[in-house]
Amino acid sequence: EVQIKVSAAAVNPIDWKLAAGALAPPGADFPFPYTLG
């Protein structure tokens, strides 16, 4: 892995869909707390 000092990050509809749980497989143990982007 690399650690990246973020300069800029684009906002995409997938981010709020993910926040709503739309991308989570049923029964998945999602890694919270979760940073979007």
PDB file of all heavy atoms in Angstrom:
ATOM      1  N   GLU A   1       0.818  -1.207   0.000  1.00  0.00           N
ATOM      2  CA  GLU A   1       0.000   0.000   0.000  1.00  0.00           C
ATOM      3  C   GLU A   1       0.857   1.264   0.000  1.00  0.00           C
ATOM      4  O   GLU A   1       2.016   1.248   0.428  1.00  0.00           O
ATOM      5  CB  GLU A   1      -0.905   0.047   1.229  1.00  0.00           C
ATOM      6  CG  GLU A   1      -2.021  -0.970   1.233  1.00  0.00           C
ATOM      7  CD  GLU A   1      -2.969  -0.749   2.397  1.00  0.00           C
ATOM      8  OE1 GLU A   1      -2.515  -0.301   3.476  1.00  0.00           O
ATOM      9  OE2 GLU A   1      -4.168  -1.022   2.222  1.00  0.00           O
ATOM     10  N   VAL A   2       0.252   2.356  -0.466  1.00  0.00           N
ATOM     11  CA  VAL A   2       0.844   3.676  -0.319  1.00  0.00           C
ATOM     12  C   VAL A   2      -0.101   4.542   0.504  1.00  0.00           C
ATOM     13  O   VAL A   2      -1.318   4.347   0.493  1.00  0.00           O
ATOM     14  CB  VAL A   2       1.118   4.353  -1.679  1.00  0.00           C
ATOM     15  CG1 VAL A   2       2.214   3.631  -2.427  1.00  0.00           C
ATOM     16  CG2 VAL A   2      -0.154   4.447  -2.525  1.00  0.00           C
ATOM     17  N   GLN A   3       0.493   5.463   1.213  1.00  0.00           N
ATOM     18  CA  GLN A   3      -0.276   6.505   1.890  1.00  0.00           C
ATOM     19  C   GLN A   3      -0.243   7.738   0.987  1.00  0.00           C
ATOM     20  O   GLN A   3       0.815   8.124   0.501  1.00  0.00           O
ATOM     21  CB  GLN A   3       0.353   6.830   3.236  1.00  0.00           C
ATOM     22  CG  GLN A   3      -0.349   7.931   4.017  1.00  0.00           C
ATOM     23  CD  GLN A   3       0.506   8.391   5.186  1.00  0.00           C
ATOM     24  OE1 GLN A   3       1.496   9.095   5.003  1.00  0.00           O
ATOM     25  NE2 GLN A   3       0.154   7.940   6.390  1.00  0.00           N
ATOM     26  N   ILE A   4      -1.409   8.312   0.733  1.00  0.00           N
ATOM     27  CA  ILE A   4      -1.520   9.461  -0.164  1.00  0.00           C
ATOM     28  C   ILE A   4      -2.018  10.665   0.615  1.00  0.00           C
ATOM     29  O   ILE A   4      -3.062  10.595   1.282  1.00  0.00           O
ATOM     30  CB  ILE A   4      -2.493   9.171  -1.327  1.00  0.00           C
ATOM     31  CG1 ILE A   4      -2.010   7.969  -2.142  1.00  0.00           C
ATOM     32  CG2 ILE A   4      -2.647  10.396  -2.227  1.00  0.00           C
ATOM     33  CD1 ILE A   4      -3.038   7.483  -3.162  1.00  0.00           C
ATOM     34  N   LYS A   5      -1.266  11.760   0.542  1.00  0.00           N
ATOM     35  CA  LYS A   5      -1.769  13.035   1.059  1.00  0.00           C
ATOM     36  C   LYS A   5      -2.672  13.610  -0.009  1.00  0.00           C
ATOM     37  O   LYS A   5      -2.220  13.985  -1.090  1.00  0.00           O
ATOM     38  CB  LYS A   5      -0.640  14.015   1.377  1.00  0.00           C
ATOM     39  CG  LYS A   5      -1.131  15.289   2.063  1.00  0.00           C
ATOM     40  CD  LYS A   5      -0.001  16.235   2.380  1.00  0.00           C
ATOM     41  CE  LYS A   5      -0.513  17.397   3.241  1.00  0.00           C
ATOM     42  NZ  LYS A   5      -1.667  18.087   2.637  1.00  0.00           N
ATOM     43  N   VAL A   6      -3.947  13.650   0.264  1.00  0.00           N
ATOM     44  CA  VAL A   6      -4.944  14.021  -0.738  1.00  0.00           C
ATOM     45  C   VAL A   6      -4.847  15.510  -1.049  1.00  0.00           C
ATOM     46  O   VAL A   6      -4.857  16.358  -0.146  1.00  0.00           O
ATOM     47  CB  VAL A   6      -6.361  13.672  -0.248  1.00  0.00           C
ATOM     48  CG1 VAL A   6      -7.410  14.129  -1.262  1.00  0.00           C
ATOM     49  CG2 VAL A   6      -6.479  12.163   0.003  1.00  0.00           C
ATOM     50  N   SER A   7      -4.758  15.836  -2.331  1.00  0.00           N
ATOM     51  CA  SER A   7      -4.825  17.221  -2.795  1.00  0.00           C
ATOM     52  C   SER A   7      -6.227  17.571  -3.270  1.00  0.00           C
ATOM     53  O   SER A   7      -6.725  18.672  -3.020  1.00  0.00           O
ATOM     54  CB  SER A   7      -3.833  17.460  -3.939  1.00  0.00           C
ATOM     55  OG  SER A   7      -2.505  17.247  -3.521  1.00  0.00           O
ATOM     56  N   ALA A   8      -6.877  16.631  -3.965  1.00  0.00           N
ATOM     57  CA  ALA A   8      -8.211  16.862  -4.510  1.00  0.00           C
ATOM     58  C   ALA A   8      -8.937  15.527  -4.633  1.00  0.00           C
ATOM     59  O   ALA A   8      -8.314  14.479  -4.838  1.00  0.00           O
ATOM     60  CB  ALA A   8      -8.122  17.546  -5.866  1.00  0.00           C
ATOM     61  N   ALA A   9     -10.256  15.573  -4.501  1.00  0.00           N
ATOM     62  CA  ALA A   9     -11.084  14.370  -4.605  1.00  0.00           C
ATOM     63  C   ALA A   9     -12.412  14.747  -5.246  1.00  0.00           C
ATOM     64  O   ALA A   9     -13.050  15.715  -4.814  1.00  0.00           O
ATOM     65  CB  ALA A   9     -11.319  13.754  -3.231  1.00  0.00           C
ATOM     66  N   ALA A  10     -12.822  14.020  -6.278  1.00  0.00           N
ATOM     67  CA  ALA A  10     -14.075  14.330  -6.961  1.00  0.00           C
ATOM     68  C   ALA A  10     -15.249  13.665  -6.249  1.00  0.00           C
ATOM     69  O   ALA A  10     -15.115  12.604  -5.640  1.00  0.00           O
ATOM     70  CB  ALA A  10     -14.012  13.866  -8.411  1.00  0.00           C
ATOM     71  N   VAL A  11     -16.392  14.318  -6.356  1.00  0.00           N
ATOM     72  CA  VAL A  11     -17.635  13.800  -5.767  1.00  0.00           C
ATOM     73  C   VAL A  11     -18.409  13.063  -6.853  1.00  0.00           C
ATOM     74  O   VAL A  11     -18.611  13.591  -7.953  1.00  0.00           O
ATOM     75  CB  VAL A  11     -18.483  14.946  -5.192  1.00  0.00           C
ATOM     76  CG1 VAL A  11     -19.752  14.410  -4.543  1.00  0.00           C
ATOM     77  CG2 VAL A  11     -17.663  15.751  -4.188  1.00  0.00           C
ATOM     78  N   ASN A  12     -18.850  11.845  -6.554  1.00  0.00           N
ATOM     79  CA  ASN A  12     -19.580  11.018  -7.511  1.00  0.00           C
ATOM     80  C   ASN A  12     -20.849  10.457  -6.882  1.00  0.00           C
ATOM     81  O   ASN A  12     -20.891  10.227  -5.659  1.00  0.00           O
ATOM     82  CB  ASN A  12     -18.711   9.840  -7.975  1.00  0.00           C
ATOM     83  CG  ASN A  12     -17.504  10.286  -8.763  1.00  0.00           C
ATOM     84  OD1 ASN A  12     -17.621  10.815  -9.848  1.00  0.00           O
ATOM     85  ND2 ASN A  12     -16.312  10.090  -8.202  1.00  0.00           N
ATOM     86  N   PRO A  13     -21.894  10.204  -7.679  1.00  0.00           N
ATOM     87  CA  PRO A  13     -23.117   9.627  -7.130  1.00  0.00           C
ATOM     88  C   PRO A  13     -22.895   8.305  -6.400  1.00  0.00           C
ATOM     89  O   PRO A  13     -23.649   7.970  -5.479  1.00  0.00           O
ATOM     90  CB  PRO A  13     -24.000   9.423  -8.367  1.00  0.00           C
ATOM     91  CG  PRO A  13     -23.534  10.477  -9.314  1.00  0.00           C
ATOM     92  CD  PRO A  13     -22.054  10.576  -9.096  1.00  0.00           C
ATOM     93  N   ILE A  14     -21.850   7.557  -6.786  1.00  0.00           N
ATOM     94  CA  ILE A  14     -21.596   6.288  -6.126  1.00  0.00           C
ATOM     95  C   ILE A  14     -21.334   6.471  -4.637  1.00  0.00           C
ATOM     96  O   ILE A  14     -21.616   5.586  -3.823  1.00  0.00           O
ATOM     97  CB  ILE A  14     -20.403   5.554  -6.794  1.00  0.00           C
ATOM     98  CG1 ILE A  14     -20.313   4.105  -6.298  1.00  0.00           C
ATOM     99  CG2 ILE A  14     -19.104   6.297  -6.568  1.00  0.00           C
ATOM    100  CD1 ILE A  14     -19.254   3.296  -7.002  1.00  0.00           C
ATOM    101  N   ASP A  15     -20.847   7.656  -4.251  1.00  0.00           N
ATOM    102  CA  ASP A  15     -20.534   7.896  -2.846  1.00  0.00           C
ATOM    103  C   ASP A  15     -21.789   7.897  -1.980  1.00  0.00           C
ATOM    104  O   ASP A  15     -21.819   7.264  -0.923  1.00  0.00           O
ATOM    105  CB  ASP A  15     -19.779   9.215  -2.695  1.00  0.00           C
ATOM    106  CG  ASP A  15     -18.452   9.201  -3.428  1.00  0.00           C
ATOM    107  OD1 ASP A  15     -17.619   8.360  -3.089  1.00  0.00           O
ATOM    108  OD2 ASP A  15     -18.253  10.023  -4.338  1.00  0.00           O
ATOM    109  N   TRP A  16     -22.813   8.629  -2.408  1.00  0.00           N
ATOM    110  CA  TRP A  16     -24.006   8.646  -1.571  1.00  0.00           C
ATOM    111  C   TRP A  16     -24.821   7.362  -1.704  1.00  0.00           C
ATOM    112  O   TRP A  16     -25.551   6.979  -0.788  1.00  0.00           O
ATOM    113  CB  TRP A  16     -24.860   9.885  -1.810  1.00  0.00           C
ATOM    114  CG  TRP A  16     -25.147  10.329  -3.201  1.00  0.00           C
ATOM    115  CD1 TRP A  16     -24.459  11.244  -3.943  1.00  0.00           C
ATOM    116  CD2 TRP A  16     -26.246   9.919  -4.019  1.00  0.00           C
ATOM    117  NE1 TRP A  16     -25.045  11.418  -5.179  1.00  0.00           N
ATOM    118  CE2 TRP A  16     -26.147  10.632  -5.252  1.00  0.00           C
ATOM    119  CE3 TRP A  16     -27.307   9.030  -3.829  1.00  0.00           C
ATOM    120  CZ2 TRP A  16     -27.062  10.471  -6.289  1.00  0.00           C
ATOM    121  CZ3 TRP A  16     -28.212   8.856  -4.859  1.00  0.00           C
ATOM    122  CH2 TRP A  16     -28.087   9.576  -6.081  1.00  0.00           C
ATOM    123  N   LYS A  17     -24.670   6.664  -2.826  1.00  0.00           N
ATOM    124  CA  LYS A  17     -25.318   5.355  -2.936  1.00  0.00           C
ATOM    125  C   LYS A  17     -24.666   4.369  -1.969  1.00  0.00           C
ATOM    126  O   LYS A  17     -25.339   3.552  -1.338  1.00  0.00           O
ATOM    127  CB  LYS A  17     -25.235   4.843  -4.373  1.00  0.00           C
ATOM    128  CG  LYS A  17     -26.067   5.662  -5.356  1.00  0.00           C
ATOM    129  CD  LYS A  17     -25.895   5.184  -6.782  1.00  0.00           C
ATOM    130  CE  LYS A  17     -26.692   6.042  -7.754  1.00  0.00           C
ATOM    131  NZ  LYS A  17     -26.507   5.615  -9.169  1.00  0.00           N
ATOM    132  N   LEU A  18     -23.341   4.439  -1.875  1.00  0.00           N
ATOM    133  CA  LEU A  18     -22.635   3.568  -0.937  1.00  0.00           C
ATOM    134  C   LEU A  18     -23.050   3.888   0.494  1.00  0.00           C
ATOM    135  O   LEU A  18     -23.296   2.991   1.301  1.00  0.00           O
ATOM    136  CB  LEU A  18     -21.128   3.727  -1.100  1.00  0.00           C
ATOM    137  CG  LEU A  18     -20.233   2.789  -0.282  1.00  0.00           C
ATOM    138  CD1 LEU A  18     -18.924   2.532  -1.008  1.00  0.00           C
ATOM    139  CD2 LEU A  18     -19.940   3.336   1.108  1.00  0.00           C
ATOM    140  N   ALA A  19     -23.149   5.180   0.831  1.00  0.00           N
ATOM    141  CA  ALA A  19     -23.525   5.584   2.181  1.00  0.00           C
ATOM    142  C   ALA A  19     -24.903   5.054   2.560  1.00  0.00           C
ATOM    143  O   ALA A  19     -25.177   4.752   3.729  1.00  0.00           O
ATOM    144  CB  ALA A  19     -23.500   7.099   2.306  1.00  0.00           C
ATOM    145  N   ALA A  20     -25.770   4.911   1.557  1.00  0.00           N
ATOM    146  CA  ALA A  20     -27.116   4.382   1.812  1.00  0.00           C
ATOM    147  C   ALA A  20     -27.134   2.866   1.931  1.00  0.00           C
ATOM    148  O   ALA A  20     -28.144   2.272   2.314  1.00  0.00           O
ATOM    149  CB  ALA A  20     -28.061   4.821   0.695  1.00  0.00           C
ATOM    150  N   GLY A  21     -26.001   2.215   1.587  1.00  0.00           N
ATOM    151  CA  GLY A  21     -25.917   0.762   1.685  1.00  0.00           C
ATOM    152  C   GLY A  21     -26.164   0.032   0.387  1.00  0.00           C
ATOM    153  O   GLY A  21     -26.222  -1.196   0.369  1.00  0.00           O
ATOM    154  N   ALA A  22     -26.266   0.769  -0.732  1.00  0.00           N
ATOM    155  CA  ALA A  22     -26.616   0.147  -2.008  1.00  0.00           C
ATOM    156  C   ALA A  22     -25.533  -0.776  -2.544  1.00  0.00           C
ATOM    157  O   ALA A  22     -25.818  -1.671  -3.339  1.00  0.00           O
ATOM    158  CB  ALA A  22     -26.927   1.219  -3.042  1.00  0.00           C
ATOM    159  N   LEU A  23     -24.285  -0.589  -2.140  1.00  0.00           N
ATOM    160  CA  LEU A  23     -23.189  -1.401  -2.673  1.00  0.00           C
ATOM    161  C   LEU A  23     -22.754  -2.513  -1.741  1.00  0.00           C
ATOM    162  O   LEU A  23     -21.817  -3.242  -2.038  1.00  0.00           O
ATOM    163  CB  LEU A  23     -21.976  -0.505  -2.989  1.00  0.00           C
ATOM    164  CG  LEU A  23     -22.196   0.627  -3.980  1.00  0.00           C
ATOM    165  CD1 LEU A  23     -20.878   1.341  -4.261  1.00  0.00           C
ATOM    166  CD2 LEU A  23     -22.781   0.110  -5.279  1.00  0.00           C
ATOM    167  N   ALA A  24     -23.408  -2.627  -0.605  1.00  0.00           N
ATOM    168  CA  ALA A  24     -22.987  -3.619   0.382  1.00  0.00           C
ATOM    169  C   ALA A  24     -23.575  -4.990   0.063  1.00  0.00           C
ATOM    170  O   ALA A  24     -24.798  -5.132  -0.039  1.00  0.00           O
ATOM    171  CB  ALA A  24     -23.427  -3.198   1.776  1.00  0.00           C
ATOM    172  N   PRO A  25     -22.740  -6.024  -0.108  1.00  0.00           N
ATOM    173  CA  PRO A  25     -23.271  -7.374  -0.304  1.00  0.00           C
ATOM    174  C   PRO A  25     -24.077  -7.797   0.924  1.00  0.00           C
ATOM    175  O   PRO A  25     -23.727  -7.438   2.049  1.00  0.00           O
ATOM    176  CB  PRO A  25     -22.007  -8.237  -0.451  1.00  0.00           C
ATOM    177  CG  PRO A  25     -20.916  -7.281  -0.787  1.00  0.00           C
ATOM    178  CD  PRO A  25     -21.271  -6.000  -0.116  1.00  0.00           C
ATOM    179  N   PRO A  26     -25.173  -8.548   0.725  1.00  0.00           N
ATOM    180  CA  PRO A  26     -25.978  -8.992   1.873  1.00  0.00           C
ATOM    181  C   PRO A  26     -25.119  -9.750   2.886  1.00  0.00           C
ATOM    182  O   PRO A  26     -24.348 -10.630   2.535  1.00  0.00           O
ATOM    183  CB  PRO A  26     -27.022  -9.911   1.231  1.00  0.00           C
ATOM    184  CG  PRO A  26     -27.113  -9.448  -0.193  1.00  0.00           C
ATOM    185  CD  PRO A  26     -25.732  -8.997  -0.556  1.00  0.00           C
ATOM    186  N   GLY A  27     -25.251  -9.361   4.135  1.00  0.00           N
ATOM    187  CA  GLY A  27     -24.519 -10.048   5.196  1.00  0.00           C
ATOM    188  C   GLY A  27     -23.063  -9.678   5.319  1.00  0.00           C
ATOM    189  O   GLY A  27     -22.324 -10.248   6.121  1.00  0.00           O
ATOM    190  N   ALA A  28     -22.609  -8.695   4.524  1.00  0.00           N
ATOM    191  CA  ALA A  28     -21.199  -8.315   4.544  1.00  0.00           C
ATOM    192  C   ALA A  28     -20.850  -7.610   5.848  1.00  0.00           C
ATOM    193  O   ALA A  28     -21.645  -6.846   6.390  1.00  0.00           O
ATOM    194  CB  ALA A  28     -20.884  -7.410   3.369  1.00  0.00           C
ATOM    195  N   ASP A  29     -19.660  -7.872   6.338  1.00  0.00           N
ATOM    196  CA  ASP A  29     -19.148  -7.214   7.530  1.00  0.00           C
ATOM    197  C   ASP A  29     -18.375  -5.979   7.065  1.00  0.00           C
ATOM    198  O   ASP A  29     -17.169  -6.023   6.866  1.00  0.00           O
ATOM    199  CB  ASP A  29     -18.248  -8.172   8.319  1.00  0.00           C
ATOM    200  CG  ASP A  29     -17.773  -7.563   9.626  1.00  0.00           C
ATOM    201  OD1 ASP A  29     -18.375  -6.571  10.052  1.00  0.00           O
ATOM    202  OD2 ASP A  29     -16.796  -8.084  10.202  1.00  0.00           O
ATOM    203  N   PHE A  30     -19.094  -4.863   6.870  1.00  0.00           N
ATOM    204  CA  PHE A  30     -18.490  -3.678   6.292  1.00  0.00           C
ATOM    205  C   PHE A  30     -17.567  -3.005   7.305  1.00  0.00           C
ATOM    206  O   PHE A  30     -17.867  -2.978   8.507  1.00  0.00           O
ATOM    207  CB  PHE A  30     -19.582  -2.693   5.845  1.00  0.00           C
ATOM    208  CG  PHE A  30     -19.296  -2.034   4.537  1.00  0.00           C
ATOM    209  CD1 PHE A  30     -19.504  -2.714   3.346  1.00  0.00           C
ATOM    210  CD2 PHE A  30     -18.812  -0.746   4.478  1.00  0.00           C
ATOM    211  CE1 PHE A  30     -19.254  -2.109   2.120  1.00  0.00           C
ATOM    212  CE2 PHE A  30     -18.561  -0.131   3.261  1.00  0.00           C
ATOM    213  CZ  PHE A  30     -18.777  -0.819   2.077  1.00  0.00           C
ATOM    214  N   PRO A  31     -16.436  -2.443   6.835  1.00  0.00           N
ATOM    215  CA  PRO A  31     -15.430  -1.894   7.749  1.00  0.00           C
ATOM    216  C   PRO A  31     -15.732  -0.467   8.205  1.00  0.00           C
ATOM    217  O   PRO A  31     -15.293   0.500   7.603  1.00  0.00           O
ATOM    218  CB  PRO A  31     -14.153  -1.935   6.907  1.00  0.00           C
ATOM    219  CG  PRO A  31     -14.626  -1.746   5.502  1.00  0.00           C
ATOM    220  CD  PRO A  31     -15.970  -2.408   5.431  1.00  0.00           C
ATOM    221  N   PHE A  32     -16.526  -0.332   9.269  1.00  0.00           N
ATOM    222  CA  PHE A  32     -16.813   0.997   9.827  1.00  0.00           C
ATOM    223  C   PHE A  32     -15.792   1.332  10.914  1.00  0.00           C
ATOM    224  O   PHE A  32     -15.268   0.422  11.573  1.00  0.00           O
ATOM    225  CB  PHE A  32     -18.228   1.025  10.406  1.00  0.00           C
ATOM    226  CG  PHE A  32     -19.309   0.861   9.374  1.00  0.00           C
ATOM    227  CD1 PHE A  32     -20.072  -0.309   9.349  1.00  0.00           C
ATOM    228  CD2 PHE A  32     -19.562   1.840   8.433  1.00  0.00           C
ATOM    229  CE1 PHE A  32     -21.076  -0.478   8.399  1.00  0.00           C
ATOM    230  CE2 PHE A  32     -20.552   1.677   7.479  1.00  0.00           C
ATOM    231  CZ  PHE A  32     -21.316   0.521   7.463  1.00  0.00           C
ATOM    232  N   PRO A  33     -15.508   2.631  11.172  1.00  0.00           N
ATOM    233  CA  PRO A  33     -15.994   3.804  10.432  1.00  0.00           C
ATOM    234  C   PRO A  33     -15.436   3.817   9.018  1.00  0.00           C
ATOM    235  O   PRO A  33     -14.315   3.384   8.776  1.00  0.00           O
ATOM    236  CB  PRO A  33     -15.483   4.981  11.252  1.00  0.00           C
ATOM    237  CG  PRO A  33     -14.288   4.451  11.954  1.00  0.00           C
ATOM    238  CD  PRO A  33     -14.576   3.017  12.245  1.00  0.00           C
ATOM    239  N   TYR A  34     -16.229   4.362   8.102  1.00  0.00           N
ATOM    240  CA  TYR A  34     -15.930   4.279   6.676  1.00  0.00           C
ATOM    241  C   TYR A  34     -15.830   5.674   6.078  1.00  0.00           C
ATOM    242  O   TYR A  34     -16.771   6.470   6.154  1.00  0.00           O
ATOM    243  CB  TYR A  34     -17.028   3.493   5.971  1.00  0.00           C
ATOM    244  CG  TYR A  34     -16.686   3.090   4.565  1.00  0.00           C
ATOM    245  CD1 TYR A  34     -16.076   1.871   4.309  1.00  0.00           C
ATOM    246  CD2 TYR A  34     -16.960   3.938   3.498  1.00  0.00           C
ATOM    247  CE1 TYR A  34     -15.746   1.505   3.012  1.00  0.00           C
ATOM    248  CE2 TYR A  34     -16.626   3.573   2.206  1.00  0.00           C
ATOM    249  CZ  TYR A  34     -16.022   2.363   1.972  1.00  0.00           C
ATOM    250  OH  TYR A  34     -15.685   2.007   0.703  1.00  0.00           O
ATOM    251  N   THR A  35     -14.684   5.987   5.473  1.00  0.00           N
ATOM    252  CA  THR A  35     -14.495   7.281   4.821  1.00  0.00           C
ATOM    253  C   THR A  35     -14.886   7.167   3.355  1.00  0.00           C
ATOM    254  O   THR A  35     -14.391   6.301   2.635  1.00  0.00           O
ATOM    255  CB  THR A  35     -13.032   7.748   4.934  1.00  0.00           C
ATOM    256  OG1 THR A  35     -12.697   7.892   6.321  1.00  0.00           O
ATOM    257  CG2 THR A  35     -12.835   9.085   4.235  1.00  0.00           C
ATOM    258  N   LEU A  36     -15.776   8.039   2.915  1.00  0.00           N
ATOM    259  CA  LEU A  36     -16.248   8.024   1.541  1.00  0.00           C
ATOM    260  C   LEU A  36     -15.209   8.629   0.601  1.00  0.00           C
ATOM    261  O   LEU A  36     -14.235   9.241   1.024  1.00  0.00           O
ATOM    262  CB  LEU A  36     -17.561   8.802   1.434  1.00  0.00           C
ATOM    263  CG  LEU A  36     -18.716   8.298   2.304  1.00  0.00           C
ATOM    264  CD1 LEU A  36     -19.904   9.245   2.178  1.00  0.00           C
ATOM    265  CD2 LEU A  36     -19.117   6.888   1.930  1.00  0.00           C
ATOM    266  N   GLY A  37     -15.463   8.501  -0.705  1.00  0.00           N
ATOM    267  CA  GLY A  37     -14.606   9.109  -1.715  1.00  0.00           C
ATOM    268  C   GLY A  37     -13.864   8.086  -2.550  1.00  0.00           C
ATOM    269  O   GLY A  37     -13.180   7.219  -2.006  1.00  0.00           O
TER     270      GLY A  37
END
